[in-house]
Amino acid sequence: EFSHEKDQLLETGGGLIFAKKLLEQEED
């Protein structure tokens, strides 16, 4: 799955939050 930061490069922390919906269901 791709998390497209089209509007702004969000760095590592912002990028992780932006992809939250793709990861939050995982235990880890």
mmCIF file of all heavy atoms, coordinates in Angstrom:
data_MODEL
# 
_entry.id   MODEL 
# 
loop_
_atom_site.group_PDB 
_atom_site.id 
_atom_site.type_symbol 
_atom_site.label_atom_id 
_atom_site.label_alt_id 
_atom_site.label_comp_id 
_atom_site.label_asym_id 
_atom_site.label_entity_id 
_atom_site.label_seq_id 
_atom_site.pdbx_PDB_ins_code 
_atom_site.Cartn_x 
_atom_site.Cartn_y 
_atom_site.Cartn_z 
_atom_site.occupancy 
_atom_site.B_iso_or_equiv 
_atom_site.pdbx_formal_charge 
_atom_site.auth_seq_id 
_atom_site.auth_comp_id 
_atom_site.auth_asym_id 
_atom_site.auth_atom_id 
_atom_site.pdbx_PDB_model_num 
ATOM 1   N N   . GLU A 1 1  ? 0.860  -1.179 0.000  1.00 0.00 ? 1  GLU A N   1 
ATOM 2   C CA  . GLU A 1 1  ? 0.000  0.000  0.000  1.00 0.00 ? 1  GLU A CA  1 
ATOM 3   C C   . GLU A 1 1  ? 0.902  1.236  0.000  1.00 0.00 ? 1  GLU A C   1 
ATOM 4   O O   . GLU A 1 1  ? 1.964  1.237  0.616  1.00 0.00 ? 1  GLU A O   1 
ATOM 5   C CB  . GLU A 1 1  ? -0.905 0.012  1.234  1.00 0.00 ? 1  GLU A CB  1 
ATOM 6   C CG  . GLU A 1 1  ? -1.854 -1.174 1.304  1.00 0.00 ? 1  GLU A CG  1 
ATOM 7   C CD  . GLU A 1 1  ? -2.571 -1.254 2.642  1.00 0.00 ? 1  GLU A CD  1 
ATOM 8   O OE1 . GLU A 1 1  ? -1.907 -1.636 3.626  1.00 0.00 ? 1  GLU A OE1 1 
ATOM 9   O OE2 . GLU A 1 1  ? -3.765 -0.944 2.694  1.00 0.00 ? 1  GLU A OE2 1 
ATOM 10  N N   . PHE A 1 2  ? 0.443  2.272  -0.670 1.00 0.00 ? 2  PHE A N   1 
ATOM 11  C CA  . PHE A 1 2  ? 1.229  3.497  -0.771 1.00 0.00 ? 2  PHE A CA  1 
ATOM 12  C C   . PHE A 1 2  ? 0.568  4.624  0.015  1.00 0.00 ? 2  PHE A C   1 
ATOM 13  O O   . PHE A 1 2  ? -0.645 4.771  0.013  1.00 0.00 ? 2  PHE A O   1 
ATOM 14  C CB  . PHE A 1 2  ? 1.384  3.919  -2.232 1.00 0.00 ? 2  PHE A CB  1 
ATOM 15  C CG  . PHE A 1 2  ? 2.143  2.927  -3.065 1.00 0.00 ? 2  PHE A CG  1 
ATOM 16  C CD1 . PHE A 1 2  ? 1.461  2.092  -3.951 1.00 0.00 ? 2  PHE A CD1 1 
ATOM 17  C CD2 . PHE A 1 2  ? 3.514  2.811  -2.973 1.00 0.00 ? 2  PHE A CD2 1 
ATOM 18  C CE1 . PHE A 1 2  ? 2.151  1.171  -4.730 1.00 0.00 ? 2  PHE A CE1 1 
ATOM 19  C CE2 . PHE A 1 2  ? 4.214  1.892  -3.742 1.00 0.00 ? 2  PHE A CE2 1 
ATOM 20  C CZ  . PHE A 1 2  ? 3.532  1.070  -4.614 1.00 0.00 ? 2  PHE A CZ  1 
ATOM 21  N N   . SER A 1 3  ? 1.401  5.405  0.680  1.00 0.00 ? 3  SER A N   1 
ATOM 22  C CA  . SER A 1 3  ? 0.956  6.587  1.396  1.00 0.00 ? 3  SER A CA  1 
ATOM 23  C C   . SER A 1 3  ? 1.547  7.797  0.671  1.00 0.00 ? 3  SER A C   1 
ATOM 24  O O   . SER A 1 3  ? 2.724  8.105  0.820  1.00 0.00 ? 3  SER A O   1 
ATOM 25  C CB  . SER A 1 3  ? 1.428  6.538  2.857  1.00 0.00 ? 3  SER A CB  1 
ATOM 26  O OG  . SER A 1 3  ? 0.996  7.672  3.572  1.00 0.00 ? 3  SER A OG  1 
ATOM 27  N N   . HIS A 1 4  ? 0.730  8.459  -0.143 1.00 0.00 ? 4  HIS A N   1 
ATOM 28  C CA  . HIS A 1 4  ? 1.200  9.537  -1.020 1.00 0.00 ? 4  HIS A CA  1 
ATOM 29  C C   . HIS A 1 4  ? 1.177  10.873 -0.288 1.00 0.00 ? 4  HIS A C   1 
ATOM 30  O O   . HIS A 1 4  ? 0.109  11.436 -0.034 1.00 0.00 ? 4  HIS A O   1 
ATOM 31  C CB  . HIS A 1 4  ? 0.312  9.626  -2.261 1.00 0.00 ? 4  HIS A CB  1 
ATOM 32  C CG  . HIS A 1 4  ? 0.391  8.440  -3.169 1.00 0.00 ? 4  HIS A CG  1 
ATOM 33  N ND1 . HIS A 1 4  ? 1.264  8.371  -4.229 1.00 0.00 ? 4  HIS A ND1 1 
ATOM 34  C CD2 . HIS A 1 4  ? -0.301 7.260  -3.177 1.00 0.00 ? 4  HIS A CD2 1 
ATOM 35  C CE1 . HIS A 1 4  ? 1.107  7.211  -4.856 1.00 0.00 ? 4  HIS A CE1 1 
ATOM 36  N NE2 . HIS A 1 4  ? 0.168  6.527  -4.242 1.00 0.00 ? 4  HIS A NE2 1 
ATOM 37  N N   . GLU A 1 5  ? 2.339  11.371 0.043  1.00 0.00 ? 5  GLU A N   1 
ATOM 38  C CA  . GLU A 1 5  ? 2.449  12.698 0.651  1.00 0.00 ? 5  GLU A CA  1 
ATOM 39  C C   . GLU A 1 5  ? 2.576  13.721 -0.479 1.00 0.00 ? 5  GLU A C   1 
ATOM 40  O O   . GLU A 1 5  ? 3.622  14.341 -0.681 1.00 0.00 ? 5  GLU A O   1 
ATOM 41  C CB  . GLU A 1 5  ? 3.645  12.745 1.603  1.00 0.00 ? 5  GLU A CB  1 
ATOM 42  C CG  . GLU A 1 5  ? 3.519  11.773 2.774  1.00 0.00 ? 5  GLU A CG  1 
ATOM 43  C CD  . GLU A 1 5  ? 4.787  11.662 3.607  1.00 0.00 ? 5  GLU A CD  1 
ATOM 44  O OE1 . GLU A 1 5  ? 5.604  12.609 3.572  1.00 0.00 ? 5  GLU A OE1 1 
ATOM 45  O OE2 . GLU A 1 5  ? 4.973  10.624 4.265  1.00 0.00 ? 5  GLU A OE2 1 
ATOM 46  N N   . LYS A 1 6  ? 1.491  13.916 -1.201 1.00 0.00 ? 6  LYS A N   1 
ATOM 47  C CA  . LYS A 1 6  ? 1.526  14.705 -2.430 1.00 0.00 ? 6  LYS A CA  1 
ATOM 48  C C   . LYS A 1 6  ? 1.750  16.188 -2.164 1.00 0.00 ? 6  LYS A C   1 
ATOM 49  O O   . LYS A 1 6  ? 2.507  16.848 -2.872 1.00 0.00 ? 6  LYS A O   1 
ATOM 50  C CB  . LYS A 1 6  ? 0.221  14.502 -3.209 1.00 0.00 ? 6  LYS A CB  1 
ATOM 51  C CG  . LYS A 1 6  ? 0.031  13.091 -3.738 1.00 0.00 ? 6  LYS A CG  1 
ATOM 52  C CD  . LYS A 1 6  ? -1.285 12.958 -4.478 1.00 0.00 ? 6  LYS A CD  1 
ATOM 53  C CE  . LYS A 1 6  ? -1.487 11.536 -4.991 1.00 0.00 ? 6  LYS A CE  1 
ATOM 54  N NZ  . LYS A 1 6  ? -2.793 11.369 -5.683 1.00 0.00 ? 6  LYS A NZ  1 
ATOM 55  N N   . ASP A 1 7  ? 1.076  16.722 -1.161 1.00 0.00 ? 7  ASP A N   1 
ATOM 56  C CA  . ASP A 1 7  ? 1.099  18.162 -0.949 1.00 0.00 ? 7  ASP A CA  1 
ATOM 57  C C   . ASP A 1 7  ? 2.360  18.658 -0.261 1.00 0.00 ? 7  ASP A C   1 
ATOM 58  O O   . ASP A 1 7  ? 2.844  19.753 -0.538 1.00 0.00 ? 7  ASP A O   1 
ATOM 59  C CB  . ASP A 1 7  ? -0.125 18.600 -0.124 1.00 0.00 ? 7  ASP A CB  1 
ATOM 60  C CG  . ASP A 1 7  ? -1.428 18.314 -0.845 1.00 0.00 ? 7  ASP A CG  1 
ATOM 61  O OD1 . ASP A 1 7  ? -1.415 18.313 -2.092 1.00 0.00 ? 7  ASP A OD1 1 
ATOM 62  O OD2 . ASP A 1 7  ? -2.444 18.068 -0.170 1.00 0.00 ? 7  ASP A OD2 1 
ATOM 63  N N   . GLN A 1 8  ? 2.897  17.844 0.657  1.00 0.00 ? 8  GLN A N   1 
ATOM 64  C CA  . GLN A 1 8  ? 4.039  18.284 1.453  1.00 0.00 ? 8  GLN A CA  1 
ATOM 65  C C   . GLN A 1 8  ? 4.810  17.080 1.965  1.00 0.00 ? 8  GLN A C   1 
ATOM 66  O O   . GLN A 1 8  ? 4.222  16.089 2.384  1.00 0.00 ? 8  GLN A O   1 
ATOM 67  C CB  . GLN A 1 8  ? 3.563  19.125 2.647  1.00 0.00 ? 8  GLN A CB  1 
ATOM 68  C CG  . GLN A 1 8  ? 4.677  19.638 3.542  1.00 0.00 ? 8  GLN A CG  1 
ATOM 69  C CD  . GLN A 1 8  ? 4.157  20.317 4.798  1.00 0.00 ? 8  GLN A CD  1 
ATOM 70  O OE1 . GLN A 1 8  ? 3.012  20.110 5.196  1.00 0.00 ? 8  GLN A OE1 1 
ATOM 71  N NE2 . GLN A 1 8  ? 4.987  21.127 5.435  1.00 0.00 ? 8  GLN A NE2 1 
ATOM 72  N N   . LEU A 1 9  ? 6.130  17.159 1.919  1.00 0.00 ? 9  LEU A N   1 
ATOM 73  C CA  . LEU A 1 9  ? 6.980  16.132 2.521  1.00 0.00 ? 9  LEU A CA  1 
ATOM 74  C C   . LEU A 1 9  ? 6.888  16.279 4.039  1.00 0.00 ? 9  LEU A C   1 
ATOM 75  O O   . LEU A 1 9  ? 7.201  17.334 4.585  1.00 0.00 ? 9  LEU A O   1 
ATOM 76  C CB  . LEU A 1 9  ? 8.422  16.296 2.048  1.00 0.00 ? 9  LEU A CB  1 
ATOM 77  C CG  . LEU A 1 9  ? 9.449  15.299 2.579  1.00 0.00 ? 9  LEU A CG  1 
ATOM 78  C CD1 . LEU A 1 9  ? 9.083  13.881 2.167  1.00 0.00 ? 9  LEU A CD1 1 
ATOM 79  C CD2 . LEU A 1 9  ? 10.836 15.668 2.065  1.00 0.00 ? 9  LEU A CD2 1 
ATOM 80  N N   . LEU A 1 10 ? 6.449  15.237 4.718  1.00 0.00 ? 10 LEU A N   1 
ATOM 81  C CA  . LEU A 1 10 ? 6.075  15.341 6.134  1.00 0.00 ? 10 LEU A CA  1 
ATOM 82  C C   . LEU A 1 10 ? 7.149  14.862 7.101  1.00 0.00 ? 10 LEU A C   1 
ATOM 83  O O   . LEU A 1 10 ? 6.920  14.847 8.304  1.00 0.00 ? 10 LEU A O   1 
ATOM 84  C CB  . LEU A 1 10 ? 4.771  14.565 6.373  1.00 0.00 ? 10 LEU A CB  1 
ATOM 85  C CG  . LEU A 1 10 ? 3.559  15.129 5.634  1.00 0.00 ? 10 LEU A CG  1 
ATOM 86  C CD1 . LEU A 1 10 ? 2.378  14.172 5.746  1.00 0.00 ? 10 LEU A CD1 1 
ATOM 87  C CD2 . LEU A 1 10 ? 3.184  16.490 6.187  1.00 0.00 ? 10 LEU A CD2 1 
ATOM 88  N N   . GLU A 1 11 ? 8.314  14.467 6.597  1.00 0.00 ? 11 GLU A N   1 
ATOM 89  C CA  . GLU A 1 11 ? 9.375  13.885 7.415  1.00 0.00 ? 11 GLU A CA  1 
ATOM 90  C C   . GLU A 1 11 ? 8.886  12.587 8.066  1.00 0.00 ? 11 GLU A C   1 
ATOM 91  O O   . GLU A 1 11 ? 7.786  12.114 7.821  1.00 0.00 ? 11 GLU A O   1 
ATOM 92  C CB  . GLU A 1 11 ? 9.906  14.891 8.443  1.00 0.00 ? 11 GLU A CB  1 
ATOM 93  C CG  . GLU A 1 11 ? 10.598 16.086 7.798  1.00 0.00 ? 11 GLU A CG  1 
ATOM 94  C CD  . GLU A 1 11 ? 11.320 16.960 8.821  1.00 0.00 ? 11 GLU A CD  1 
ATOM 95  O OE1 . GLU A 1 11 ? 11.575 16.489 9.944  1.00 0.00 ? 11 GLU A OE1 1 
ATOM 96  O OE2 . GLU A 1 11 ? 11.627 18.110 8.475  1.00 0.00 ? 11 GLU A OE2 1 
ATOM 97  N N   . THR A 1 12 ? 9.712  12.001 8.913  1.00 0.00 ? 12 THR A N   1 
ATOM 98  C CA  . THR A 1 12 ? 9.413  10.656 9.421  1.00 0.00 ? 12 THR A CA  1 
ATOM 99  C C   . THR A 1 12 ? 8.198  10.620 10.342 1.00 0.00 ? 12 THR A C   1 
ATOM 100 O O   . THR A 1 12 ? 7.352  9.723  10.241 1.00 0.00 ? 12 THR A O   1 
ATOM 101 C CB  . THR A 1 12 ? 10.638 10.089 10.149 1.00 0.00 ? 12 THR A CB  1 
ATOM 102 O OG1 . THR A 1 12 ? 11.101 11.047 11.115 1.00 0.00 ? 12 THR A OG1 1 
ATOM 103 C CG2 . THR A 1 12 ? 11.757 9.788  9.165  1.00 0.00 ? 12 THR A CG2 1 
ATOM 104 N N   . GLY A 1 13 ? 8.088  11.585 11.245 1.00 0.00 ? 13 GLY A N   1 
ATOM 105 C CA  . GLY A 1 13 ? 6.964  11.582 12.177 1.00 0.00 ? 13 GLY A CA  1 
ATOM 106 C C   . GLY A 1 13 ? 5.653  11.911 11.495 1.00 0.00 ? 13 GLY A C   1 
ATOM 107 O O   . GLY A 1 13 ? 4.648  11.208 11.657 1.00 0.00 ? 13 GLY A O   1 
ATOM 108 N N   . GLY A 1 14 ? 5.665  12.987 10.714 1.00 0.00 ? 14 GLY A N   1 
ATOM 109 C CA  . GLY A 1 14 ? 4.461  13.361 9.995  1.00 0.00 ? 14 GLY A CA  1 
ATOM 110 C C   . GLY A 1 14 ? 4.045  12.302 8.996  1.00 0.00 ? 14 GLY A C   1 
ATOM 111 O O   . GLY A 1 14 ? 2.861  12.036 8.801  1.00 0.00 ? 14 GLY A O   1 
ATOM 112 N N   . GLY A 1 15 ? 5.047  11.656 8.375  1.00 0.00 ? 15 GLY A N   1 
ATOM 113 C CA  . GLY A 1 15 ? 4.744  10.590 7.428  1.00 0.00 ? 15 GLY A CA  1 
ATOM 114 C C   . GLY A 1 15 ? 4.092  9.394  8.091  1.00 0.00 ? 15 GLY A C   1 
ATOM 115 O O   . GLY A 1 15 ? 3.199  8.761  7.520  1.00 0.00 ? 15 GLY A O   1 
ATOM 116 N N   . LEU A 1 16 ? 4.537  9.072  9.301  1.00 0.00 ? 16 LEU A N   1 
ATOM 117 C CA  . LEU A 1 16 ? 3.927  7.973  10.037 1.00 0.00 ? 16 LEU A CA  1 
ATOM 118 C C   . LEU A 1 16 ? 2.481  8.298  10.386 1.00 0.00 ? 16 LEU A C   1 
ATOM 119 O O   . LEU A 1 16 ? 1.590  7.459  10.211 1.00 0.00 ? 16 LEU A O   1 
ATOM 120 C CB  . LEU A 1 16 ? 4.730  7.675  11.306 1.00 0.00 ? 16 LEU A CB  1 
ATOM 121 C CG  . LEU A 1 16 ? 4.171  6.585  12.213 1.00 0.00 ? 16 LEU A CG  1 
ATOM 122 C CD1 . LEU A 1 16 ? 4.073  5.251  11.476 1.00 0.00 ? 16 LEU A CD1 1 
ATOM 123 C CD2 . LEU A 1 16 ? 5.019  6.435  13.475 1.00 0.00 ? 16 LEU A CD2 1 
ATOM 124 N N   . ILE A 1 17 ? 2.222  9.510  10.877 1.00 0.00 ? 17 ILE A N   1 
ATOM 125 C CA  . ILE A 1 17 ? 0.850  9.907  11.203 1.00 0.00 ? 17 ILE A CA  1 
ATOM 126 C C   . ILE A 1 17 ? -0.031 9.883  9.960  1.00 0.00 ? 17 ILE A C   1 
ATOM 127 O O   . ILE A 1 17 ? -1.183 9.457  10.002 1.00 0.00 ? 17 ILE A O   1 
ATOM 128 C CB  . ILE A 1 17 ? 0.837  11.316 11.845 1.00 0.00 ? 17 ILE A CB  1 
ATOM 129 C CG1 . ILE A 1 17 ? 1.547  11.287 13.188 1.00 0.00 ? 17 ILE A CG1 1 
ATOM 130 C CG2 . ILE A 1 17 ? -0.584 11.830 12.012 1.00 0.00 ? 17 ILE A CG2 1 
ATOM 131 C CD1 . ILE A 1 17 ? 0.922  10.364 14.200 1.00 0.00 ? 17 ILE A CD1 1 
ATOM 132 N N   . PHE A 1 18 ? 0.517  10.343 8.834  1.00 0.00 ? 18 PHE A N   1 
ATOM 133 C CA  . PHE A 1 18 ? -0.243 10.374 7.585  1.00 0.00 ? 18 PHE A CA  1 
ATOM 134 C C   . PHE A 1 18 ? -0.659 8.960  7.160  1.00 0.00 ? 18 PHE A C   1 
ATOM 135 O O   . PHE A 1 18 ? -1.714 8.772  6.544  1.00 0.00 ? 18 PHE A O   1 
ATOM 136 C CB  . PHE A 1 18 ? 0.606  11.043 6.500  1.00 0.00 ? 18 PHE A CB  1 
ATOM 137 C CG  . PHE A 1 18 ? -0.152 11.436 5.268  1.00 0.00 ? 18 PHE A CG  1 
ATOM 138 C CD1 . PHE A 1 18 ? -1.014 12.520 5.283  1.00 0.00 ? 18 PHE A CD1 1 
ATOM 139 C CD2 . PHE A 1 18 ? 0.007  10.731 4.078  1.00 0.00 ? 18 PHE A CD2 1 
ATOM 140 C CE1 . PHE A 1 18 ? -1.711 12.892 4.137  1.00 0.00 ? 18 PHE A CE1 1 
ATOM 141 C CE2 . PHE A 1 18 ? -0.675 11.095 2.938  1.00 0.00 ? 18 PHE A CE2 1 
ATOM 142 C CZ  . PHE A 1 18 ? -1.544 12.181 2.968  1.00 0.00 ? 18 PHE A CZ  1 
ATOM 143 N N   . ALA A 1 19 ? 0.161  7.973  7.506  1.00 0.00 ? 19 ALA A N   1 
ATOM 144 C CA  . ALA A 1 19 ? -0.124 6.579  7.137  1.00 0.00 ? 19 ALA A CA  1 
ATOM 145 C C   . ALA A 1 19 ? -0.841 5.819  8.250  1.00 0.00 ? 19 ALA A C   1 
ATOM 146 O O   . ALA A 1 19 ? -1.012 4.600  8.160  1.00 0.00 ? 19 ALA A O   1 
ATOM 147 C CB  . ALA A 1 19 ? 1.188  5.866  6.795  1.00 0.00 ? 19 ALA A CB  1 
ATOM 148 N N   . LYS A 1 20 ? -1.274 6.516  9.269  1.00 0.00 ? 20 LYS A N   1 
ATOM 149 C CA  . LYS A 1 20 ? -1.863 5.879  10.447 1.00 0.00 ? 20 LYS A CA  1 
ATOM 150 C C   . LYS A 1 20 ? -2.975 4.897  10.101 1.00 0.00 ? 20 LYS A C   1 
ATOM 151 O O   . LYS A 1 20 ? -3.031 3.779  10.640 1.00 0.00 ? 20 LYS A O   1 
ATOM 152 C CB  . LYS A 1 20 ? -2.407 6.947  11.404 1.00 0.00 ? 20 LYS A CB  1 
ATOM 153 C CG  . LYS A 1 20 ? -3.114 6.402  12.628 1.00 0.00 ? 20 LYS A CG  1 
ATOM 154 C CD  . LYS A 1 20 ? -3.637 7.530  13.517 1.00 0.00 ? 20 LYS A CD  1 
ATOM 155 C CE  . LYS A 1 20 ? -4.434 6.987  14.696 1.00 0.00 ? 20 LYS A CE  1 
ATOM 156 N NZ  . LYS A 1 20 ? -4.962 8.093  15.553 1.00 0.00 ? 20 LYS A NZ  1 
ATOM 157 N N   . LYS A 1 21 ? -3.851 5.277  9.199  1.00 0.00 ? 21 LYS A N   1 
ATOM 158 C CA  . LYS A 1 21 ? -5.000 4.420  8.866  1.00 0.00 ? 21 LYS A CA  1 
ATOM 159 C C   . LYS A 1 21 ? -4.577 3.074  8.283  1.00 0.00 ? 21 LYS A C   1 
ATOM 160 O O   . LYS A 1 21 ? -5.344 2.102  8.320  1.00 0.00 ? 21 LYS A O   1 
ATOM 161 C CB  . LYS A 1 21 ? -5.929 5.146  7.890  1.00 0.00 ? 21 LYS A CB  1 
ATOM 162 C CG  . LYS A 1 21 ? -5.307 5.467  6.548  1.00 0.00 ? 21 LYS A CG  1 
ATOM 163 C CD  . LYS A 1 21 ? -6.279 6.257  5.675  1.00 0.00 ? 21 LYS A CD  1 
ATOM 164 C CE  . LYS A 1 21 ? -5.668 6.563  4.296  1.00 0.00 ? 21 LYS A CE  1 
ATOM 165 N NZ  . LYS A 1 21 ? -4.478 7.440  4.408  1.00 0.00 ? 21 LYS A NZ  1 
ATOM 166 N N   . LEU A 1 22 ? -3.353 3.006  7.757  1.00 0.00 ? 22 LEU A N   1 
ATOM 167 C CA  . LEU A 1 22 ? -2.852 1.766  7.171  1.00 0.00 ? 22 LEU A CA  1 
ATOM 168 C C   . LEU A 1 22 ? -2.127 0.891  8.185  1.00 0.00 ? 22 LEU A C   1 
ATOM 169 O O   . LEU A 1 22 ? -1.785 -0.250 7.879  1.00 0.00 ? 22 LEU A O   1 
ATOM 170 C CB  . LEU A 1 22 ? -1.904 2.080  6.010  1.00 0.00 ? 22 LEU A CB  1 
ATOM 171 C CG  . LEU A 1 22 ? -2.485 2.935  4.879  1.00 0.00 ? 22 LEU A CG  1 
ATOM 172 C CD1 . LEU A 1 22 ? -1.405 3.259  3.854  1.00 0.00 ? 22 LEU A CD1 1 
ATOM 173 C CD2 . LEU A 1 22 ? -3.666 2.234  4.220  1.00 0.00 ? 22 LEU A CD2 1 
ATOM 174 N N   . LEU A 1 23 ? -1.892 1.430  9.394  1.00 0.00 ? 23 LEU A N   1 
ATOM 175 C CA  . LEU A 1 23 ? -1.066 0.740  10.384 1.00 0.00 ? 23 LEU A CA  1 
ATOM 176 C C   . LEU A 1 23 ? -1.739 0.531  11.733 1.00 0.00 ? 23 LEU A C   1 
ATOM 177 O O   . LEU A 1 23 ? -1.346 -0.351 12.492 1.00 0.00 ? 23 LEU A O   1 
ATOM 178 C CB  . LEU A 1 23 ? 0.232  1.539  10.612 1.00 0.00 ? 23 LEU A CB  1 
ATOM 179 C CG  . LEU A 1 23 ? 1.163  1.676  9.416  1.00 0.00 ? 23 LEU A CG  1 
ATOM 180 C CD1 . LEU A 1 23 ? 2.170  2.803  9.651  1.00 0.00 ? 23 LEU A CD1 1 
ATOM 181 C CD2 . LEU A 1 23 ? 1.891  0.368  9.139  1.00 0.00 ? 23 LEU A CD2 1 
ATOM 182 N N   . GLU A 1 24 ? -2.734 1.334  12.069 1.00 0.00 ? 24 GLU A N   1 
ATOM 183 C CA  . GLU A 1 24 ? -3.253 1.359  13.429 1.00 0.00 ? 24 GLU A CA  1 
ATOM 184 C C   . GLU A 1 24 ? -3.970 0.074  13.842 1.00 0.00 ? 24 GLU A C   1 
ATOM 185 O O   . GLU A 1 24 ? -4.163 -0.162 15.036 1.00 0.00 ? 24 GLU A O   1 
ATOM 186 C CB  . GLU A 1 24 ? -4.187 2.553  13.625 1.00 0.00 ? 24 GLU A CB  1 
ATOM 187 C CG  . GLU A 1 24 ? -5.415 2.549  12.742 1.00 0.00 ? 24 GLU A CG  1 
ATOM 188 C CD  . GLU A 1 24 ? -6.228 3.831  12.898 1.00 0.00 ? 24 GLU A CD  1 
ATOM 189 O OE1 . GLU A 1 24 ? -6.034 4.533  13.896 1.00 0.00 ? 24 GLU A OE1 1 
ATOM 190 O OE2 . GLU A 1 24 ? -7.060 4.118  12.017 1.00 0.00 ? 24 GLU A OE2 1 
ATOM 191 N N   . GLN A 1 25 ? -4.353 -0.768 12.889 1.00 0.00 ? 25 GLN A N   1 
ATOM 192 C CA  . GLN A 1 25 ? -5.012 -2.021 13.231 1.00 0.00 ? 25 GLN A CA  1 
ATOM 193 C C   . GLN A 1 25 ? -4.023 -3.125 13.599 1.00 0.00 ? 25 GLN A C   1 
ATOM 194 O O   . GLN A 1 25 ? -4.417 -4.188 14.083 1.00 0.00 ? 25 GLN A O   1 
ATOM 195 C CB  . GLN A 1 25 ? -5.898 -2.492 12.069 1.00 0.00 ? 25 GLN A CB  1 
ATOM 196 C CG  . GLN A 1 25 ? -6.997 -1.515 11.692 1.00 0.00 ? 25 GLN A CG  1 
ATOM 197 C CD  . GLN A 1 25 ? -7.905 -1.150 12.853 1.00 0.00 ? 25 GLN A CD  1 
ATOM 198 O OE1 . GLN A 1 25 ? -8.316 -2.025 13.622 1.00 0.00 ? 25 GLN A OE1 1 
ATOM 199 N NE2 . GLN A 1 25 ? -8.210 0.126  12.993 1.00 0.00 ? 25 GLN A NE2 1 
ATOM 200 N N   . GLU A 1 26 ? -2.740 -2.868 13.364 1.00 0.00 ? 26 GLU A N   1 
ATOM 201 C CA  . GLU A 1 26 ? -1.702 -3.847 13.692 1.00 0.00 ? 26 GLU A CA  1 
ATOM 202 C C   . GLU A 1 26 ? -1.401 -3.810 15.190 1.00 0.00 ? 26 GLU A C   1 
ATOM 203 O O   . GLU A 1 26 ? -1.464 -2.752 15.820 1.00 0.00 ? 26 GLU A O   1 
ATOM 204 C CB  . GLU A 1 26 ? -0.417 -3.539 12.932 1.00 0.00 ? 26 GLU A CB  1 
ATOM 205 C CG  . GLU A 1 26 ? -0.584 -3.430 11.427 1.00 0.00 ? 26 GLU A CG  1 
ATOM 206 C CD  . GLU A 1 26 ? -1.020 -4.733 10.806 1.00 0.00 ? 26 GLU A CD  1 
ATOM 207 O OE1 . GLU A 1 26 ? -0.404 -5.774 11.124 1.00 0.00 ? 26 GLU A OE1 1 
ATOM 208 O OE2 . GLU A 1 26 ? -1.968 -4.717 10.010 1.00 0.00 ? 26 GLU A OE2 1 
ATOM 209 N N   . GLU A 1 27 ? -1.056 -4.961 15.758 1.00 0.00 ? 27 GLU A N   1 
ATOM 210 C CA  . GLU A 1 27 ? -0.609 -4.967 17.151 1.00 0.00 ? 27 GLU A CA  1 
ATOM 211 C C   . GLU A 1 27 ? 0.717  -4.220 17.269 1.00 0.00 ? 27 GLU A C   1 
ATOM 212 O O   . GLU A 1 27 ? 0.914  -3.398 18.166 1.00 0.00 ? 27 GLU A O   1 
ATOM 213 C CB  . GLU A 1 27 ? -0.448 -6.404 17.646 1.00 0.00 ? 27 GLU A CB  1 
ATOM 214 C CG  . GLU A 1 27 ? 0.028  -6.494 19.089 1.00 0.00 ? 27 GLU A CG  1 
ATOM 215 C CD  . GLU A 1 27 ? 0.162  -7.923 19.580 1.00 0.00 ? 27 GLU A CD  1 
ATOM 216 O OE1 . GLU A 1 27 ? -0.264 -8.856 18.863 1.00 0.00 ? 27 GLU A OE1 1 
ATOM 217 O OE2 . GLU A 1 27 ? 0.704  -8.117 20.688 1.00 0.00 ? 27 GLU A OE2 1 
ATOM 218 N N   . ASP A 1 28 ? 1.614  -4.517 16.365 1.00 0.00 ? 28 ASP A N   1 
ATOM 219 C CA  . ASP A 1 28 ? 2.862  -3.776 16.249 1.00 0.00 ? 28 ASP A CA  1 
ATOM 220 C C   . ASP A 1 28 ? 3.320  -3.865 14.797 1.00 0.00 ? 28 ASP A C   1 
ATOM 221 O O   . ASP A 1 28 ? 2.806  -4.662 14.012 1.00 0.00 ? 28 ASP A O   1 
ATOM 222 C CB  . ASP A 1 28 ? 3.941  -4.287 17.207 1.00 0.00 ? 28 ASP A CB  1 
ATOM 223 C CG  . ASP A 1 28 ? 4.071  -5.799 17.228 1.00 0.00 ? 28 ASP A CG  1 
ATOM 224 O OD1 . ASP A 1 28 ? 3.762  -6.421 16.188 1.00 0.00 ? 28 ASP A OD1 1 
ATOM 225 O OD2 . ASP A 1 28 ? 4.465  -6.371 18.248 1.00 0.00 ? 28 ASP A OD2 1 
# 
